[in-house]
Structure formats: C-alpha cells, structure tokens
Amino acid sequence: MAISDQIQKGISKARDVAGVAGAVADFPGVPEGIRRAIKGIFNTGEGLAPKENRRDMNNLISNINKLNSFTKPNYFYVEIFPPPMMADRSDEARSLAFLTESAVLPGISLATSEIRRYGTGPLERKPYSPVFVDTTLSFFVDGSGVVQNFFNDWINGIIMFDEMPYHSKVPRGDNQVDTRSVFDPHPFGVNYKENYATDMLVTTVDESNNDIVNVRFRDIFPIFMGDIGLSWGDNDNIARLPITFTYFNWKIERINVRQIQQERKESVLQKLIKVGNAVQVLGGLRKPQGVADVVNVINNTKIAIGGLR
C-alpha cells in the first residue's frame, strides 16, 4: 500500500473516531465535564469532524441554536442623535427610530495598488487604505412633517441653501408698517463640522428583543435628501424620504447576547419563585377570627402582593 493511501486511510479512521466522539459529547445525558474533555481532545465540530455531520439536520439545528439562530433583516432599529446645532430637537430625533423603514449595515473595502512581485514577476495587489462607502436610509414621511423638516433644517444648517428673501414688517411710526424684503447676510455659507456632525447607531436584535450588534457611525451627516413622489392615484401607499449620509468611520460594538439571555433567564426564574411564594402565602390565608387574625391577614396579603409585583 502506498504511503499516500495509508495517510488517507488514517485520516478516514480519525474522522470516524471524531464523529463518534462528537455524537457522544452531544448526547443529552453526558456530564458537562466529560463533554468538555471530549471536545477538547477531538476538537469536534472542526478539523477532522466528518463532513456528513454538516448535512445532518440535528447537528445543523443544534449549531444554529448555539449561535442564537439567524439575524432577520427586519429586526433592527436606528438611533440618530441630534447634532449640536439642533440640540433642542431631541424629541424629533427620537421619533426617527419609529419612522425608519430601511437601513444598511455598512461594508468595507480596501483601496489597493498593483506592484510586480519581486520587481519583475506577475502583478500583485497590495492594500494601502480603507474605503468607507456612503449609506442611505429610507424614512416614512409622517403626517406632521417631522421627518421632512428635520432633515431639511439639518442640511440647511450645513450649507445655507435657502437664500430666498423673506418679508419683514417694519413700523413707520404712524401706526403703519412697511413690508420689506430682507436677505440672509450669509447665503450659501458653510457651517463648521463640529456643529452639524453627530453619531448614529444601527442595532440588530433577535426575536427576544436582545441587541445583537451595534454599528456606530461617527461624525455622520446628510449629503442628499431625495425627492418625495406624489400622485393622485397612489392612495394606498406611504410617502418615503431617502436620505444619504456620509461619515468619518464606523465601528461594531459587540454585545454578549448569551450573557444577556442568561441574566434574563435568571430574572424570570427569580420572578417565578416570587410568584410561587406569593401563591403559597395567599393559599395559607384563612378567615380571620379576631383582631390579631385580621392584622396577620393584612400583613400576609401585602407580602403576597409584593411577590406578585
């Protein structure tokens, strides 16, 4: 037998052994200490684990459950913090979380340059800089004009594009007034970035409303406010407003979902224990026979209500 055949046969046997070890480790009755020892020795689930395990429905479901299932694209929310120049518009900014129709978790690309390997060989691409791509969000247009006015004022605060004159009434002194046209003294003036840039959070959540991943956009501001289509015949839809943002960079803020879930499970267990104690106290109440019994019933009822709360 050739050496390569012997190696292949040995790998095949090792895979079989690892597969058996993985099945034993996943058996419900195996103690946790033995389970960890088997996984540590055979590294089950990786490396020499047989490929058939990946196609086994039970193994697939088990591993998906360990990973907290899948991320659903409609389980998310967006938080836009008002920029410093709009610090008094925090209530409107909070409303945007409920009016965001769609958002994008950002990607990243690397700018590369081509060099010749060893100076004379084939072309090879070498990275030299990250490239951040602008992101576009879509918002439902509300019946109070909050979304449209918020982003219009934000963009107008970055560059004063509304240079049309406004009319001002000036008193003449004879109980009459003159209407005069007044121009803004700084049309198309550009504001300082520290006044109009802010942070934005895009958060994905699971079915239990636990945060999975927070993506924080730093120094973000709008650079494009799209058109809003209007039509007499379009009476069954909601108007939408697309906004394109640019930003300095973004960062993933990781969250320990399993720890949160464990804390919630412990909290639910504690509540169940309190409810059980409260029910037990209520079940032990009896009809009072005298003043002392009345006092005891009142005290026990208070304890039971506290447990139920």
Protein backbone atom coordinates (compact mmCIF):
# COMPACT_ATOMS: atom_id res chain seq x y z
CA MET A 1 0.00 0.00 0.00
CA ALA A 2 1.33 3.42 -0.95
CA ILE A 3 2.17 5.93 1.80
CA SER A 4 -0.47 8.36 0.49
CA ASP A 5 -3.11 5.61 0.72
CA GLN A 6 -2.05 4.84 4.29
CA ILE A 7 -2.31 8.52 5.22
CA GLN A 8 -5.73 8.80 3.61
CA LYS A 9 -6.92 5.68 5.44
CA GLY A 10 -5.62 7.04 8.73
CA ILE A 11 -7.41 10.35 8.19
CA SER A 12 -10.62 8.49 7.38
CA LYS A 13 -10.38 6.48 10.62
CA ALA A 14 -9.61 9.64 12.57
CA ARG A 15 -12.72 11.25 11.14
CA ASP A 16 -14.82 8.28 12.14
CA VAL A 17 -13.46 8.42 15.69
CA ALA A 18 -14.02 12.16 15.87
CA GLY A 19 -17.56 11.71 14.60
CA VAL A 20 -18.33 9.13 17.30
CA ALA A 21 -16.76 11.40 19.92
CA GLY A 22 -18.90 14.30 18.72
CA ALA A 23 -22.06 12.19 18.94
CA VAL A 24 -21.17 11.11 22.49
CA ALA A 25 -20.41 14.70 23.52
CA ASP A 26 -23.78 15.89 22.19
CA PHE A 27 -25.74 13.14 23.94
CA PRO A 28 -28.11 14.77 26.47
CA GLY A 29 -27.10 12.63 29.45
CA VAL A 30 -23.33 13.19 29.24
CA PRO A 31 -21.97 15.28 32.16
CA GLU A 32 -20.57 18.68 31.26
CA GLY A 33 -17.04 17.80 32.41
CA ILE A 34 -16.87 14.74 30.14
CA ARG A 35 -18.42 16.73 27.30
CA ARG A 36 -15.71 19.39 27.54
CA ALA A 37 -12.97 16.78 27.77
CA ILE A 38 -14.17 15.01 24.60
CA LYS A 39 -14.46 18.26 22.69
CA GLY A 40 -11.03 19.33 23.89
CA ILE A 41 -9.34 16.08 22.84
CA PHE A 42 -11.04 15.56 19.48
CA ASN A 43 -11.81 19.19 18.65
CA THR A 44 -15.24 18.03 17.50
CA GLY A 45 -17.10 20.24 15.07
CA GLU A 46 -13.86 21.35 13.39
CA GLY A 47 -10.86 19.89 11.66
CA LEU A 48 -11.28 16.10 11.48
CA ALA A 49 -15.04 16.09 12.06
CA PRO A 50 -16.70 14.18 9.20
CA LYS A 51 -18.37 16.27 6.54
CA GLU A 52 -21.54 14.23 6.93
CA ASN A 53 -22.13 15.95 10.27
CA ARG A 54 -22.67 19.24 8.47
CA ARG A 55 -25.52 17.77 6.48
CA ASP A 56 -27.17 16.10 9.45
CA MET A 57 -30.33 18.04 10.32
CA ASN A 58 -29.95 17.52 14.08
CA ASN A 59 -26.39 18.81 14.05
CA LEU A 60 -27.44 21.74 11.88
CA ILE A 61 -30.28 22.73 14.22
CA SER A 62 -28.08 22.23 17.30
CA ASN A 63 -25.34 24.51 15.98
CA ILE A 64 -27.81 27.13 14.78
CA ASN A 65 -29.40 27.19 18.24
CA LYS A 66 -25.98 27.62 19.83
CA LEU A 67 -25.47 30.64 17.58
CA ASN A 68 -28.81 32.18 18.62
CA SER A 69 -30.46 31.33 15.28
CA PHE A 70 -30.16 33.78 12.35
CA THR A 71 -30.30 37.55 12.03
CA LYS A 72 -33.53 38.73 10.42
CA PRO A 73 -33.24 41.89 8.29
CA ASN A 74 -36.46 43.36 9.69
CA TYR A 75 -35.30 43.10 13.32
CA PHE A 76 -33.45 46.39 13.77
CA TYR A 77 -33.77 49.96 14.98
CA VAL A 78 -31.91 53.20 14.29
CA GLU A 79 -30.92 55.97 16.70
CA ILE A 80 -29.83 59.34 15.33
CA PHE A 81 -28.53 61.74 17.94
CA PRO A 82 -29.33 65.38 17.09
CA PRO A 83 -26.25 67.38 16.03
CA PRO A 84 -25.11 70.19 18.33
CA MET A 85 -26.78 72.87 16.20
CA MET A 86 -30.11 71.02 16.67
CA ALA A 87 -29.72 70.05 20.31
CA ASP A 88 -33.27 71.24 21.07
CA ARG A 89 -34.75 68.76 18.55
CA SER A 90 -34.13 65.60 20.57
CA ASP A 91 -37.83 64.65 20.61
CA GLU A 92 -37.93 64.73 16.82
CA ALA A 93 -34.70 62.71 16.63
CA ARG A 94 -36.23 60.02 18.86
CA SER A 95 -39.24 59.83 16.56
CA LEU A 96 -36.95 58.86 13.67
CA ALA A 97 -36.36 55.46 15.30
CA PHE A 98 -40.02 54.60 14.70
CA LEU A 99 -40.11 56.07 11.19
CA THR A 100 -37.04 54.35 9.73
CA GLU A 101 -38.18 51.97 7.00
CA SER A 102 -34.79 50.58 5.96
CA ALA A 103 -31.14 50.92 6.84
CA VAL A 104 -27.86 49.30 5.83
CA LEU A 105 -25.19 47.62 7.89
CA PRO A 106 -22.05 49.05 6.30
CA GLY A 107 -19.40 47.14 4.46
CA ILE A 108 -15.73 47.96 3.99
CA SER A 109 -13.37 47.80 1.07
CA LEU A 110 -9.63 48.29 0.84
CA ALA A 111 -8.01 50.51 -1.74
CA THR A 112 -5.14 48.66 -3.38
CA SER A 113 -2.25 49.39 -5.70
CA GLU A 114 -0.64 46.97 -8.14
CA ILE A 115 3.01 46.06 -7.78
CA ARG A 116 5.15 43.47 -9.53
CA ARG A 117 6.17 40.54 -7.37
CA TYR A 118 9.95 40.56 -6.90
CA GLY A 119 10.04 43.60 -9.18
CA THR A 120 9.66 41.59 -12.37
CA GLY A 121 7.01 38.95 -11.62
CA PRO A 122 3.22 38.99 -12.00
CA LEU A 123 1.10 41.87 -10.76
CA GLU A 124 0.02 41.66 -7.14
CA ARG A 125 -2.43 43.93 -5.33
CA LYS A 126 -1.36 45.48 -2.02
CA PRO A 127 -3.79 47.35 0.27
CA TYR A 128 -2.96 50.84 1.47
CA SER A 129 -6.19 52.45 2.73
CA PRO A 130 -9.73 51.58 3.89
CA VAL A 131 -12.63 52.95 1.85
CA PHE A 132 -15.88 53.90 3.60
CA VAL A 133 -19.00 53.93 1.42
CA ASP A 134 -21.87 56.37 2.00
CA THR A 135 -25.03 54.83 3.46
CA THR A 136 -28.67 55.50 2.54
CA LEU A 137 -31.64 55.21 4.88
CA SER A 138 -35.31 55.39 3.97
CA PHE A 139 -37.81 57.09 6.28
CA PHE A 140 -41.60 57.07 6.33
CA VAL A 141 -42.93 60.61 5.90
CA ASP A 142 -45.21 61.39 8.84
CA GLY A 143 -48.38 63.46 8.73
CA SER A 144 -46.86 66.20 10.93
CA GLY A 145 -43.87 66.89 8.69
CA VAL A 146 -41.34 65.99 11.38
CA VAL A 147 -39.08 63.89 9.13
CA GLN A 148 -39.05 66.32 6.22
CA ASN A 149 -38.49 69.41 8.37
CA PHE A 150 -35.80 67.71 10.48
CA PHE A 151 -33.58 66.74 7.55
CA ASN A 152 -34.31 69.94 5.64
CA ASP A 153 -33.17 72.04 8.60
CA TRP A 154 -30.15 69.78 9.13
CA ILE A 155 -28.92 70.13 5.55
CA ASN A 156 -29.75 73.84 5.51
CA GLY A 157 -27.71 74.21 8.69
CA ILE A 158 -24.69 72.64 6.96
CA ILE A 159 -24.90 74.93 3.91
CA MET A 160 -27.40 77.79 3.86
CA PHE A 161 -29.03 76.90 0.55
CA ASP A 162 -32.31 78.74 1.21
CA GLU A 163 -31.22 82.19 0.00
CA MET A 164 -34.67 83.42 -0.96
CA PRO A 165 -35.64 86.71 0.76
CA TYR A 166 -38.21 86.72 3.50
CA HIS A 167 -40.54 89.60 4.24
CA SER A 168 -40.32 91.66 7.39
CA LYS A 169 -42.78 94.22 8.67
CA VAL A 170 -41.05 97.43 9.79
CA PRO A 171 -43.02 100.03 11.81
CA ARG A 172 -43.05 103.57 10.35
CA GLY A 173 -44.08 105.42 13.49
CA ASP A 174 -47.53 106.48 12.32
CA ASN A 175 -49.30 103.29 13.36
CA GLN A 176 -48.49 101.82 9.97
CA VAL A 177 -45.87 99.34 8.84
CA ASP A 178 -43.84 98.80 5.69
CA THR A 179 -43.21 95.35 4.27
CA ARG A 180 -39.58 94.96 3.20
CA SER A 181 -37.60 92.12 1.70
CA VAL A 182 -34.69 91.01 3.87
CA PHE A 183 -31.86 88.77 2.61
CA ASP A 184 -29.84 86.44 4.76
CA PRO A 185 -26.41 88.03 5.30
CA HIS A 186 -24.56 84.74 4.65
CA PRO A 187 -26.17 82.86 1.75
CA PHE A 188 -24.54 79.51 0.94
CA GLY A 189 -22.30 79.81 3.98
CA VAL A 190 -20.75 76.54 5.19
CA ASN A 191 -21.01 75.69 8.87
CA TYR A 192 -18.28 74.12 10.99
CA LYS A 193 -18.33 70.32 11.09
CA GLU A 194 -18.36 70.25 14.87
CA ASN A 195 -21.80 71.88 14.71
CA TYR A 196 -23.52 69.58 12.20
CA ALA A 197 -21.80 66.16 12.59
CA THR A 198 -23.19 63.61 15.04
CA ASP A 199 -23.34 59.86 15.78
CA MET A 200 -25.84 57.27 14.59
CA LEU A 201 -26.47 53.73 15.89
CA VAL A 202 -27.89 50.89 13.79
CA THR A 203 -28.75 47.94 16.04
CA THR A 204 -29.88 44.46 15.10
CA VAL A 205 -31.98 42.50 17.59
CA ASP A 206 -33.11 38.89 17.98
CA GLU A 207 -36.63 37.55 18.44
CA SER A 208 -36.39 38.17 22.20
CA ASN A 209 -35.51 41.83 21.54
CA ASN A 210 -31.91 41.34 22.71
CA ASP A 211 -29.38 43.58 20.99
CA ILE A 212 -27.06 41.55 18.77
CA VAL A 213 -24.73 44.07 17.13
CA ASN A 214 -24.45 47.84 17.44
CA VAL A 215 -22.88 49.65 14.49
CA ARG A 216 -21.88 53.19 15.45
CA PHE A 217 -21.38 55.73 12.67
CA ARG A 218 -19.12 58.53 13.82
CA ASP A 219 -19.39 62.15 12.63
CA ILE A 220 -22.26 61.38 10.31
CA PHE A 221 -24.28 64.00 8.42
CA PRO A 222 -26.69 64.01 5.45
CA ILE A 223 -25.42 64.91 1.97
CA PHE A 224 -28.53 64.05 -0.06
CA MET A 225 -32.26 64.35 0.58
CA GLY A 226 -34.24 62.57 -2.10
CA ASP A 227 -37.46 63.52 -3.82
CA ILE A 228 -40.88 62.55 -2.46
CA GLY A 229 -43.15 61.22 -5.17
CA LEU A 230 -46.76 62.40 -5.11
CA SER A 231 -49.65 61.04 -7.15
CA TRP A 232 -53.46 61.23 -7.02
CA GLY A 233 -53.72 57.56 -7.88
CA ASP A 234 -51.25 56.38 -5.24
CA ASN A 235 -53.68 56.35 -2.31
CA ASP A 236 -52.70 53.02 -0.73
CA ASN A 237 -49.02 53.73 -0.04
CA ILE A 238 -46.99 55.78 2.42
CA ALA A 239 -44.65 58.53 1.26
CA ARG A 240 -40.96 57.77 1.81
CA LEU A 241 -37.92 60.00 2.04
CA PRO A 242 -34.44 58.62 1.17
CA ILE A 243 -31.50 60.24 2.95
CA THR A 244 -27.86 59.56 2.07
CA PHE A 245 -25.28 60.05 4.82
CA THR A 246 -21.53 60.31 4.80
CA TYR A 247 -19.41 59.74 7.89
CA PHE A 248 -15.90 59.68 9.32
CA ASN A 249 -15.83 55.94 10.11
CA TRP A 250 -17.89 53.18 11.69
CA LYS A 251 -17.28 50.66 14.44
CA ILE A 252 -19.01 47.46 15.57
CA GLU A 253 -19.80 47.50 19.28
CA ARG A 254 -20.06 43.83 20.24
CA ILE A 255 -22.66 42.64 22.71
CA ASN A 256 -22.58 39.42 24.74
CA VAL A 257 -26.02 38.14 23.74
CA ARG A 258 -25.64 34.86 25.62
CA GLN A 259 -24.84 36.65 28.87
CA ILE A 260 -27.91 38.88 28.45
CA GLN A 261 -30.07 35.85 27.75
CA GLN A 262 -28.71 34.06 30.83
CA GLU A 263 -29.39 37.11 33.01
CA ARG A 264 -32.94 37.29 31.66
CA LYS A 265 -33.48 33.60 32.31
CA GLU A 266 -32.28 34.03 35.90
CA SER A 267 -34.51 37.05 36.30
CA VAL A 268 -37.54 35.12 35.02
CA LEU A 269 -36.71 32.23 37.38
CA GLN A 270 -36.50 34.60 40.32
CA LYS A 271 -39.86 36.10 39.38
CA LEU A 272 -41.43 32.64 39.16
CA ILE A 273 -40.05 31.80 42.60
CA LYS A 274 -41.55 35.02 44.00
CA VAL A 275 -44.91 34.30 42.37
CA GLY A 276 -44.82 30.77 43.76
CA ASN A 277 -44.12 32.08 47.25
CA ALA A 278 -46.89 34.64 46.87
CA VAL A 279 -49.40 32.00 45.78
CA GLN A 280 -48.34 29.84 48.72
CA VAL A 281 -48.88 32.74 51.12
CA LEU A 282 -52.29 33.52 49.61
CA GLY A 283 -53.25 29.86 49.81
CA GLY A 284 -52.45 29.82 53.51
CA LEU A 285 -54.73 32.72 54.35
CA ARG A 286 -57.80 31.85 56.35
CA LYS A 287 -60.87 33.65 57.55
CA PRO A 288 -59.91 35.92 60.50
CA GLN A 289 -61.44 35.08 63.85
CA GLY A 290 -60.28 38.13 65.74
CA VAL A 291 -58.30 41.40 65.64
CA ALA A 292 -54.94 39.59 65.65
CA ASP A 293 -56.00 37.40 62.75
CA VAL A 294 -57.04 40.50 60.77
CA VAL A 295 -53.59 42.04 61.26
CA ASN A 296 -51.91 38.82 60.14
CA VAL A 297 -54.10 38.57 57.04
CA ILE A 298 -53.29 42.16 56.06
CA ASN A 299 -49.54 41.63 56.52
CA ASN A 300 -49.53 38.36 54.60
CA THR A 301 -51.56 39.92 51.79
CA LYS A 302 -49.02 42.74 51.50
CA ILE A 303 -46.19 40.20 51.26
CA ALA A 304 -48.07 38.25 48.60
CA ILE A 305 -48.81 41.37 46.52
CA GLY A 306 -45.16 42.39 46.77
CA GLY A 307 -44.14 38.98 45.41
CA LEU A 308 -46.60 39.20 42.53
CA ARG A 309 -45.30 42.63 41.59
